[in-house]
């Protein structure tokens, strides 16, 4: 009787078991080294990664006020819009807005001087007649630069634009200085609207470029005052004419938005009846 073949088979089985144990030990050691290295360098390895949260939809709220708040007055109207949500906490950029103003409320412009968007882009405020300006305001814009969020204050100036098809137009100059010096012009057309609104301002908002390879800037807050309060003794200047009567519940104002990510939204507000 010979034991040759049986002993060789046993040795092969022992070698295979040893190899499997060695491979398991090497894998465990490699994983331990990787985890300790990741901890030391600020990175982490997740064996069961959780999916990223989807971005929140961009939403907007509006507030409107009159000064003086008096029936039949020549007043200044202030419109403030705030945007929230969006990817990484930055709202999606607005590409179009339609503002609907209450019936009976109008803008009185004694001197019909106008300024074109071309002149505004080329020369800024100095390129337009002083009496073509109908409002002022400011905006706050944000953009992502890598993992950072950059914020900038922007000065706003509103002008009466050249009429189109016998209808008035508006130009809004947005001028930023730091950290990015950028000049952008928004253009809008005034159209007749249906009750309970009287007119609508349809405005196109171009992209606001920032740094190379980074997304366009997004508006976070937008506040614009149109007209001049009569309390300042400004007879003959542009002013909002407040109706002598107020509808039940106040003057309605609405705005609709289209965003760069393809979504849309709306917001409403009411100007309380003057005291």
C-alpha atoms as a PDB file:
ATOM      1  CA  UNK A   1       0.000   0.000   0.000  1.00  0.00           C
ATOM      2  CA  UNK A   2       1.288   3.485  -0.829  1.00  0.00           C
ATOM      3  CA  UNK A   3       0.371   6.839   0.645  1.00  0.00           C
ATOM      4  CA  UNK A   4       2.032   9.035  -1.994  1.00  0.00           C
ATOM      5  CA  UNK A   5      -1.020  10.510  -3.815  1.00  0.00           C
ATOM      6  CA  UNK A   6      -3.027  11.093  -0.605  1.00  0.00           C
ATOM      7  CA  UNK A   7      -0.225  13.005   1.096  1.00  0.00           C
ATOM      8  CA  UNK A   8       0.226  15.276  -1.931  1.00  0.00           C
ATOM      9  CA  UNK A   9      -3.506  16.061  -2.015  1.00  0.00           C
ATOM     10  CA  UNK A  10      -3.452  16.937   1.675  1.00  0.00           C
ATOM     11  CA  UNK A  11      -0.540  19.258   1.186  1.00  0.00           C
ATOM     12  CA  UNK A  12      -2.392  21.009  -1.686  1.00  0.00           C
ATOM     13  CA  UNK A  13      -5.494  21.503   0.501  1.00  0.00           C
ATOM     14  CA  UNK A  14      -3.388  22.973   3.327  1.00  0.00           C
ATOM     15  CA  UNK A  15      -1.662  25.315   0.877  1.00  0.00           C
ATOM     16  CA  UNK A  16      -5.026  26.528  -0.486  1.00  0.00           C
ATOM     17  CA  UNK A  17      -6.378  27.211   3.014  1.00  0.00           C
ATOM     18  CA  UNK A  18      -3.188  29.077   3.898  1.00  0.00           C
ATOM     19  CA  UNK A  19      -3.470  31.183   0.719  1.00  0.00           C
ATOM     20  CA  UNK A  20      -7.078  32.119   1.479  1.00  0.00           C
ATOM     21  CA  UNK A  21      -6.173  33.114   5.055  1.00  0.00           C
ATOM     22  CA  UNK A  22      -3.233  35.156   3.777  1.00  0.00           C
ATOM     23  CA  UNK A  23      -5.410  36.963   1.188  1.00  0.00           C
ATOM     24  CA  UNK A  24      -8.049  37.746   3.852  1.00  0.00           C
ATOM     25  CA  UNK A  25      -5.360  39.113   6.167  1.00  0.00           C
ATOM     26  CA  UNK A  26      -3.887  41.289   3.384  1.00  0.00           C
ATOM     27  CA  UNK A  27      -7.365  42.663   2.489  1.00  0.00           C
ATOM     28  CA  UNK A  28      -8.180  43.464   6.126  1.00  0.00           C
ATOM     29  CA  UNK A  29      -4.803  45.177   6.593  1.00  0.00           C
ATOM     30  CA  UNK A  30      -5.229  47.214   3.380  1.00  0.00           C
ATOM     31  CA  UNK A  31      -8.716  48.372   4.412  1.00  0.00           C
ATOM     32  CA  UNK A  32      -7.480  49.378   7.880  1.00  0.00           C
ATOM     33  CA  UNK A  33      -4.616  51.380   6.339  1.00  0.00           C
ATOM     34  CA  UNK A  34      -7.018  53.090   3.886  1.00  0.00           C
ATOM     35  CA  UNK A  35      -9.442  54.086   6.640  1.00  0.00           C
ATOM     36  CA  UNK A  36      -6.687  55.436   8.898  1.00  0.00           C
ATOM     37  CA  UNK A  37      -5.184  57.409   5.988  1.00  0.00           C
ATOM     38  CA  UNK A  38      -8.574  58.839   5.054  1.00  0.00           C
ATOM     39  CA  UNK A  39      -9.175  59.960   8.634  1.00  0.00           C
ATOM     40  CA  UNK A  40      -5.785  61.632   8.804  1.00  0.00           C
ATOM     41  CA  UNK A  41      -6.282  63.544   5.544  1.00  0.00           C
ATOM     42  CA  UNK A  42      -9.874  64.707   6.186  1.00  0.00           C
ATOM     43  CA  UNK A  43     -11.583  62.388   3.715  1.00  0.00           C
ATOM     44  CA  UNK A  44     -14.014  59.620   4.524  1.00  0.00           C
ATOM     45  CA  UNK A  45     -14.941  56.358   2.877  1.00  0.00           C
ATOM     46  CA  UNK A  46     -18.526  55.225   3.190  1.00  0.00           C
ATOM     47  CA  UNK A  47     -19.254  51.567   2.633  1.00  0.00           C
ATOM     48  CA  UNK A  48     -22.975  52.406   2.341  1.00  0.00           C
ATOM     49  CA  UNK A  49     -23.122  55.900   0.739  1.00  0.00           C
ATOM     50  CA  UNK A  50     -26.411  57.806   1.061  1.00  0.00           C
ATOM     51  CA  UNK A  51     -27.807  59.568  -2.011  1.00  0.00           C
ATOM     52  CA  UNK A  52     -27.470  63.383  -2.144  1.00  0.00           C
ATOM     53  CA  UNK A  53     -30.573  65.382  -1.274  1.00  0.00           C
ATOM     54  CA  UNK A  54     -32.363  66.810  -4.325  1.00  0.00           C
ATOM     55  CA  UNK A  55     -32.103  70.615  -4.731  1.00  0.00           C
ATOM     56  CA  UNK A  56     -34.979  72.691  -3.403  1.00  0.00           C
ATOM     57  CA  UNK A  57     -37.175  74.502  -5.911  1.00  0.00           C
ATOM     58  CA  UNK A  58     -36.612  78.248  -6.181  1.00  0.00           C
ATOM     59  CA  UNK A  59     -39.464  80.259  -4.665  1.00  0.00           C
ATOM     60  CA  UNK A  60     -40.153  83.993  -4.425  1.00  0.00           C
ATOM     61  CA  UNK A  61     -42.070  86.369  -2.180  1.00  0.00           C
ATOM     62  CA  UNK A  62     -43.000  89.988  -2.938  1.00  0.00           C
ATOM     63  CA  UNK A  63     -43.856  93.044  -0.856  1.00  0.00           C
ATOM     64  CA  UNK A  64     -45.231  96.350  -2.190  1.00  0.00           C
ATOM     65  CA  UNK A  65     -45.687  99.689  -0.423  1.00  0.00           C
ATOM     66  CA  UNK A  66     -46.677 103.295  -1.236  1.00  0.00           C
ATOM     67  CA  UNK A  67     -45.248 106.524   0.138  1.00  0.00           C
ATOM     68  CA  UNK A  68     -47.266 108.530   1.002  1.00  0.00           C
ATOM     69  CA  UNK A  69     -49.968 105.973   1.674  1.00  0.00           C
ATOM     70  CA  UNK A  70     -52.852 108.270   0.782  1.00  0.00           C
ATOM     71  CA  UNK A  71     -55.733 108.087  -1.705  1.00  0.00           C
ATOM     72  CA  UNK A  72     -55.251 110.336  -4.748  1.00  0.00           C
ATOM     73  CA  UNK A  73     -51.605 111.070  -3.842  1.00  0.00           C
ATOM     74  CA  UNK A  74     -48.558 111.404  -6.062  1.00  0.00           C
ATOM     75  CA  UNK A  75     -46.419 108.717  -4.490  1.00  0.00           C
ATOM     76  CA  UNK A  76     -43.409 106.437  -4.736  1.00  0.00           C
ATOM     77  CA  UNK A  77     -44.027 102.689  -5.101  1.00  0.00           C
ATOM     78  CA  UNK A  78     -41.457 100.247  -3.716  1.00  0.00           C
ATOM     79  CA  UNK A  79     -41.401  96.631  -4.911  1.00  0.00           C
ATOM     80  CA  UNK A  80     -39.230  94.103  -3.045  1.00  0.00           C
ATOM     81  CA  UNK A  81     -38.715  90.496  -4.212  1.00  0.00           C
ATOM     82  CA  UNK A  82     -36.875  87.789  -2.278  1.00  0.00           C
ATOM     83  CA  UNK A  83     -35.760  84.450  -3.757  1.00  0.00           C
ATOM     84  CA  UNK A  84     -34.932  81.310  -1.757  1.00  0.00           C
ATOM     85  CA  UNK A  85     -34.122  77.644  -2.425  1.00  0.00           C
ATOM     86  CA  UNK A  86     -32.144  76.336  -5.353  1.00  0.00           C
ATOM     87  CA  UNK A  87     -29.154  74.005  -5.655  1.00  0.00           C
ATOM     88  CA  UNK A  88     -26.547  74.367  -2.870  1.00  0.00           C
ATOM     89  CA  UNK A  89     -28.683  77.133  -1.342  1.00  0.00           C
ATOM     90  CA  UNK A  90     -28.325  79.495  -4.330  1.00  0.00           C
ATOM     91  CA  UNK A  91     -31.633  80.300  -6.108  1.00  0.00           C
ATOM     92  CA  UNK A  92     -31.907  79.545  -9.806  1.00  0.00           C
ATOM     93  CA  UNK A  93     -31.320  82.645 -11.936  1.00  0.00           C
ATOM     94  CA  UNK A  94     -34.426  84.483 -13.174  1.00  0.00           C
ATOM     95  CA  UNK A  95     -34.748  84.715 -16.949  1.00  0.00           C
ATOM     96  CA  UNK A  96     -38.190  86.338 -17.294  1.00  0.00           C
ATOM     97  CA  UNK A  97     -40.674  88.083 -15.030  1.00  0.00           C
ATOM     98  CA  UNK A  98     -44.182  89.407 -15.612  1.00  0.00           C
ATOM     99  CA  UNK A  99     -45.345  91.997 -13.054  1.00  0.00           C
ATOM    100  CA  UNK A 100     -49.068  92.760 -12.882  1.00  0.00           C
ATOM    101  CA  UNK A 101     -50.091  96.090 -11.367  1.00  0.00           C
ATOM    102  CA  UNK A 102     -53.523  97.031  -9.986  1.00  0.00           C
ATOM    103  CA  UNK A 103     -56.114  98.700 -12.199  1.00  0.00           C
ATOM    104  CA  UNK A 104     -56.338 102.458 -11.801  1.00  0.00           C
ATOM    105  CA  UNK A 105     -52.744 102.907 -10.600  1.00  0.00           C
ATOM    106  CA  UNK A 106     -50.531 104.661 -13.149  1.00  0.00           C
ATOM    107  CA  UNK A 107     -47.139 106.300 -13.520  1.00  0.00           C
ATOM    108  CA  UNK A 108     -47.178 110.013 -14.297  1.00  0.00           C
ATOM    109  CA  UNK A 109     -44.133 111.060 -16.364  1.00  0.00           C
ATOM    110  CA  UNK A 110     -44.306 114.830 -17.070  1.00  0.00           C
ATOM    111  CA  UNK A 111     -41.159 114.833 -19.222  1.00  0.00           C
ATOM    112  CA  UNK A 112     -41.179 112.017 -21.788  1.00  0.00           C
ATOM    113  CA  UNK A 113     -37.423 111.698 -22.107  1.00  0.00           C
ATOM    114  CA  UNK A 114     -36.175 108.196 -22.880  1.00  0.00           C
ATOM    115  CA  UNK A 115     -32.917 106.264 -22.952  1.00  0.00           C
ATOM    116  CA  UNK A 116     -32.031 103.179 -24.988  1.00  0.00           C
ATOM    117  CA  UNK A 117     -30.513  99.950 -23.697  1.00  0.00           C
ATOM    118  CA  UNK A 118     -27.589 100.441 -26.083  1.00  0.00           C
ATOM    119  CA  UNK A 119     -26.625 103.750 -24.432  1.00  0.00           C
ATOM    120  CA  UNK A 120     -27.017 102.258 -20.954  1.00  0.00           C
ATOM    121  CA  UNK A 121     -24.728  99.336 -21.755  1.00  0.00           C
ATOM    122  CA  UNK A 122     -22.129 101.616 -23.337  1.00  0.00           C
ATOM    123  CA  UNK A 123     -22.089 104.566 -20.929  1.00  0.00           C
ATOM    124  CA  UNK A 124     -24.128 103.675 -17.879  1.00  0.00           C
ATOM    125  CA  UNK A 125     -26.165 106.317 -16.053  1.00  0.00           C
ATOM    126  CA  UNK A 126     -24.152 109.162 -17.589  1.00  0.00           C
ATOM    127  CA  UNK A 127     -25.330 108.159 -21.067  1.00  0.00           C
ATOM    128  CA  UNK A 128     -28.999 108.972 -20.357  1.00  0.00           C
ATOM    129  CA  UNK A 129     -30.960 112.212 -19.817  1.00  0.00           C
ATOM    130  CA  UNK A 130     -31.539 112.833 -16.112  1.00  0.00           C
ATOM    131  CA  UNK A 131     -35.304 113.090 -16.623  1.00  0.00           C
ATOM    132  CA  UNK A 132     -35.465 109.667 -18.241  1.00  0.00           C
ATOM    133  CA  UNK A 133     -34.725 108.058 -14.882  1.00  0.00           C
ATOM    134  CA  UNK A 134     -37.889 106.864 -13.134  1.00  0.00           C
ATOM    135  CA  UNK A 135     -36.576 104.829 -10.210  1.00  0.00           C
ATOM    136  CA  UNK A 136     -33.672 103.576  -8.105  1.00  0.00           C
ATOM    137  CA  UNK A 137     -32.958 100.526  -5.995  1.00  0.00           C
ATOM    138  CA  UNK A 138     -30.534  97.786  -5.154  1.00  0.00           C
ATOM    139  CA  UNK A 139     -30.152  94.023  -5.498  1.00  0.00           C
ATOM    140  CA  UNK A 140     -28.148  91.289  -3.834  1.00  0.00           C
ATOM    141  CA  UNK A 141     -26.758  88.555  -6.097  1.00  0.00           C
ATOM    142  CA  UNK A 142     -24.982  85.308  -5.292  1.00  0.00           C
ATOM    143  CA  UNK A 143     -22.916  82.804  -7.232  1.00  0.00           C
ATOM    144  CA  UNK A 144     -20.903  79.673  -6.471  1.00  0.00           C
ATOM    145  CA  UNK A 145     -17.137  79.763  -6.894  1.00  0.00           C
ATOM    146  CA  UNK A 146     -16.040  76.187  -6.219  1.00  0.00           C
ATOM    147  CA  UNK A 147     -17.265  75.415  -2.716  1.00  0.00           C
ATOM    148  CA  UNK A 148     -17.638  79.107  -1.827  1.00  0.00           C
ATOM    149  CA  UNK A 149     -20.697  81.353  -2.243  1.00  0.00           C
ATOM    150  CA  UNK A 150     -19.799  84.871  -3.415  1.00  0.00           C
ATOM    151  CA  UNK A 151     -22.217  87.722  -2.639  1.00  0.00           C
ATOM    152  CA  UNK A 152     -22.314  91.137  -4.297  1.00  0.00           C
ATOM    153  CA  UNK A 153     -24.383  94.307  -3.876  1.00  0.00           C
ATOM    154  CA  UNK A 154     -25.724  95.753  -7.119  1.00  0.00           C
ATOM    155  CA  UNK A 155     -27.052  99.282  -7.720  1.00  0.00           C
ATOM    156  CA  UNK A 156     -30.245  99.557  -9.786  1.00  0.00           C
ATOM    157  CA  UNK A 157     -31.459 102.455 -11.927  1.00  0.00           C
ATOM    158  CA  UNK A 158     -34.744 102.374 -13.871  1.00  0.00           C
ATOM    159  CA  UNK A 159     -35.237 104.426 -17.061  1.00  0.00           C
ATOM    160  CA  UNK A 160     -38.017 105.081 -19.517  1.00  0.00           C
ATOM    161  CA  UNK A 161     -37.098 103.317 -22.755  1.00  0.00           C
ATOM    162  CA  UNK A 162     -38.057 104.116 -26.364  1.00  0.00           C
ATOM    163  CA  UNK A 163     -41.712 103.255 -27.141  1.00  0.00           C
ATOM    164  CA  UNK A 164     -42.450 100.085 -29.109  1.00  0.00           C
ATOM    165  CA  UNK A 165     -45.696  99.767 -31.065  1.00  0.00           C
ATOM    166  CA  UNK A 166     -46.898 102.934 -29.305  1.00  0.00           C
ATOM    167  CA  UNK A 167     -46.424 101.203 -25.928  1.00  0.00           C
ATOM    168  CA  UNK A 168     -43.915 102.388 -23.268  1.00  0.00           C
ATOM    169  CA  UNK A 169     -40.846 100.350 -22.379  1.00  0.00           C
ATOM    170  CA  UNK A 170     -38.539 100.320 -19.383  1.00  0.00           C
ATOM    171  CA  UNK A 171     -34.819  99.689 -18.955  1.00  0.00           C
ATOM    172  CA  UNK A 172     -33.223  98.681 -15.649  1.00  0.00           C
ATOM    173  CA  UNK A 173     -29.468  99.139 -15.318  1.00  0.00           C
ATOM    174  CA  UNK A 174     -27.802  96.784 -12.812  1.00  0.00           C
ATOM    175  CA  UNK A 175     -24.264  97.844 -11.928  1.00  0.00           C
ATOM    176  CA  UNK A 176     -21.940  95.850  -9.676  1.00  0.00           C
ATOM    177  CA  UNK A 177     -18.437  96.887  -8.638  1.00  0.00           C
ATOM    178  CA  UNK A 178     -16.889  94.368  -6.253  1.00  0.00           C
ATOM    179  CA  UNK A 179     -15.836  91.586  -6.301  1.00  0.00           C
ATOM    180  CA  UNK A 180     -16.958  91.632  -9.973  1.00  0.00           C
ATOM    181  CA  UNK A 181     -17.395  94.790 -12.029  1.00  0.00           C
ATOM    182  CA  UNK A 182     -20.342  93.992 -14.251  1.00  0.00           C
ATOM    183  CA  UNK A 183     -23.029  96.045 -16.030  1.00  0.00           C
ATOM    184  CA  UNK A 184     -26.266  94.384 -17.143  1.00  0.00           C
ATOM    185  CA  UNK A 185     -29.443  95.907 -18.622  1.00  0.00           C
ATOM    186  CA  UNK A 186     -32.924  94.399 -18.193  1.00  0.00           C
ATOM    187  CA  UNK A 187     -35.542  95.414 -20.754  1.00  0.00           C
ATOM    188  CA  UNK A 188     -39.303  95.359 -20.303  1.00  0.00           C
ATOM    189  CA  UNK A 189     -42.474  96.165 -22.225  1.00  0.00           C
ATOM    190  CA  UNK A 190     -45.726  97.511 -20.770  1.00  0.00           C
ATOM    191  CA  UNK A 191     -48.939  95.859 -21.930  1.00  0.00           C
ATOM    192  CA  UNK A 192     -52.608  96.173 -21.008  1.00  0.00           C
ATOM    193  CA  UNK A 193     -53.777  93.497 -18.574  1.00  0.00           C
ATOM    194  CA  UNK A 194     -57.163  92.100 -17.532  1.00  0.00           C
ATOM    195  CA  UNK A 195     -59.009  92.803 -14.276  1.00  0.00           C
ATOM    196  CA  UNK A 196     -58.233  93.037 -11.434  1.00  0.00           C
ATOM    197  CA  UNK A 197     -54.989  94.276 -12.956  1.00  0.00           C
ATOM    198  CA  UNK A 198     -54.532  97.250 -15.230  1.00  0.00           C
ATOM    199  CA  UNK A 199     -51.081  96.822 -16.786  1.00  0.00           C
ATOM    200  CA  UNK A 200     -48.308  94.274 -16.857  1.00  0.00           C
ATOM    201  CA  UNK A 201     -44.559  94.724 -17.199  1.00  0.00           C
ATOM    202  CA  UNK A 202     -43.011  91.846 -19.172  1.00  0.00           C
ATOM    203  CA  UNK A 203     -39.265  91.852 -18.502  1.00  0.00           C
ATOM    204  CA  UNK A 204     -36.398  89.771 -19.928  1.00  0.00           C
ATOM    205  CA  UNK A 205     -33.396  89.245 -17.665  1.00  0.00           C
ATOM    206  CA  UNK A 206     -30.129  88.245 -19.373  1.00  0.00           C
ATOM    207  CA  UNK A 207     -27.512  85.968 -17.786  1.00  0.00           C
ATOM    208  CA  UNK A 208     -25.169  87.699 -15.330  1.00  0.00           C
ATOM    209  CA  UNK A 209     -21.706  86.201 -16.000  1.00  0.00           C
ATOM    210  CA  UNK A 210     -19.211  85.722 -13.175  1.00  0.00           C
ATOM    211  CA  UNK A 211     -15.905  83.838 -13.157  1.00  0.00           C
ATOM    212  CA  UNK A 212     -14.770  81.504 -15.976  1.00  0.00           C
ATOM    213  CA  UNK A 213     -16.213  77.980 -15.645  1.00  0.00           C
ATOM    214  CA  UNK A 214     -18.541  79.098 -12.836  1.00  0.00           C
ATOM    215  CA  UNK A 215     -22.365  79.444 -12.995  1.00  0.00           C
ATOM    216  CA  UNK A 216     -24.102  82.750 -13.689  1.00  0.00           C
ATOM    217  CA  UNK A 217     -25.075  84.941 -10.744  1.00  0.00           C
ATOM    218  CA  UNK A 218     -28.529  84.618  -9.216  1.00  0.00           C
ATOM    219  CA  UNK A 219     -30.657  87.387  -7.737  1.00  0.00           C
ATOM    220  CA  UNK A 220     -31.378  86.855  -4.027  1.00  0.00           C
ATOM    221  CA  UNK A 221     -33.126  90.153  -3.274  1.00  0.00           C
ATOM    222  CA  UNK A 222     -34.410  92.854  -5.633  1.00  0.00           C
ATOM    223  CA  UNK A 223     -35.818  96.163  -4.393  1.00  0.00           C
ATOM    224  CA  UNK A 224     -36.858  99.001  -6.705  1.00  0.00           C
ATOM    225  CA  UNK A 225     -38.627 102.286  -5.952  1.00  0.00           C
ATOM    226  CA  UNK A 226     -40.447 103.900  -8.883  1.00  0.00           C
ATOM    227  CA  UNK A 227     -41.608 107.512  -8.751  1.00  0.00           C
ATOM    228  CA  UNK A 228     -40.919 110.197  -6.187  1.00  0.00           C
ATOM    229  CA  UNK A 229     -42.839 110.960  -3.036  1.00  0.00           C
ATOM    230  CA  UNK A 230     -44.656 114.318  -3.111  1.00  0.00           C
ATOM    231  CA  UNK A 231     -43.532 114.884   0.487  1.00  0.00           C
ATOM    232  CA  UNK A 232     -40.164 115.934  -0.893  1.00  0.00           C
ATOM    233  CA  UNK A 233     -41.573 118.846  -2.844  1.00  0.00           C
ATOM    234  CA  UNK A 234     -40.908 117.322  -6.211  1.00  0.00           C
ATOM    235  CA  UNK A 235     -43.720 118.755  -8.304  1.00  0.00           C
ATOM    236  CA  UNK A 236     -43.217 117.972 -11.988  1.00  0.00           C
ATOM    237  CA  UNK A 237     -41.162 114.812 -11.443  1.00  0.00           C
ATOM    238  CA  UNK A 238     -42.140 111.218 -12.118  1.00  0.00           C
ATOM    239  CA  UNK A 239     -44.643 109.814  -9.622  1.00  0.00           C
ATOM    240  CA  UNK A 240     -47.118 106.984  -9.141  1.00  0.00           C
ATOM    241  CA  UNK A 241     -50.719 108.216  -9.127  1.00  0.00           C
ATOM    242  CA  UNK A 242     -52.710 106.491  -6.371  1.00  0.00           C
ATOM    243  CA  UNK A 243     -56.413 106.027  -7.243  1.00  0.00           C
ATOM    244  CA  UNK A 244     -58.932 107.992  -5.173  1.00  0.00           C
ATOM    245  CA  UNK A 245     -60.897 104.796  -4.478  1.00  0.00           C
ATOM    246  CA  UNK A 246     -59.623 101.406  -3.361  1.00  0.00           C
ATOM    247  CA  UNK A 247     -61.126  97.989  -4.203  1.00  0.00           C
ATOM    248  CA  UNK A 248     -62.321  95.816  -1.335  1.00  0.00           C
ATOM    249  CA  UNK A 249     -59.314  94.083   0.231  1.00  0.00           C
ATOM    250  CA  UNK A 250     -56.729  96.436  -1.265  1.00  0.00           C
ATOM    251  CA  UNK A 251     -54.760  96.793  -4.504  1.00  0.00           C
ATOM    252  CA  UNK A 252     -53.636  93.389  -5.906  1.00  0.00           C
ATOM    253  CA  UNK A 253     -50.127  92.862  -7.283  1.00  0.00           C
ATOM    254  CA  UNK A 254     -48.839  89.638  -8.855  1.00  0.00           C
ATOM    255  CA  UNK A 255     -45.634  88.467 -10.475  1.00  0.00           C
ATOM    256  CA  UNK A 256     -44.738  85.364 -12.491  1.00  0.00           C
ATOM    257  CA  UNK A 257     -41.204  84.042 -12.968  1.00  0.00           C
ATOM    258  CA  UNK A 258     -39.347  81.750 -15.354  1.00  0.00           C
ATOM    259  CA  UNK A 259     -36.032  80.412 -14.047  1.00  0.00           C
ATOM    260  CA  UNK A 260     -32.848  79.270 -15.774  1.00  0.00           C
ATOM    261  CA  UNK A 261     -33.380  75.655 -14.668  1.00  0.00           C
ATOM    262  CA  UNK A 262     -36.638  75.524 -16.659  1.00  0.00           C
ATOM    263  CA  UNK A 263     -38.969  75.849 -13.665  1.00  0.00           C
ATOM    264  CA  UNK A 264     -41.463  78.644 -13.071  1.00  0.00           C
ATOM    265  CA  UNK A 265     -43.260  80.209 -10.126  1.00  0.00           C
ATOM    266  CA  UNK A 266     -45.460  83.062  -8.995  1.00  0.00           C
ATOM    267  CA  UNK A 267     -46.104  85.307  -6.023  1.00  0.00           C
ATOM    268  CA  UNK A 268     -48.868  87.678  -4.950  1.00  0.00           C
ATOM    269  CA  UNK A 269     -49.214  90.622  -2.628  1.00  0.00           C
ATOM    270  CA  UNK A 270     -51.798  93.234  -1.712  1.00  0.00           C
ATOM    271  CA  UNK A 271     -51.255  96.934  -1.087  1.00  0.00           C
ATOM    272  CA  UNK A 272     -53.579  97.844   1.801  1.00  0.00           C
ATOM    273  CA  UNK A 273     -56.154 100.546   1.054  1.00  0.00           C
ATOM    274  CA  UNK A 274     -54.743 104.001   1.883  1.00  0.00           C
ATOM    275  CA  UNK A 275     -55.777 105.469   5.191  1.00  0.00           C
END
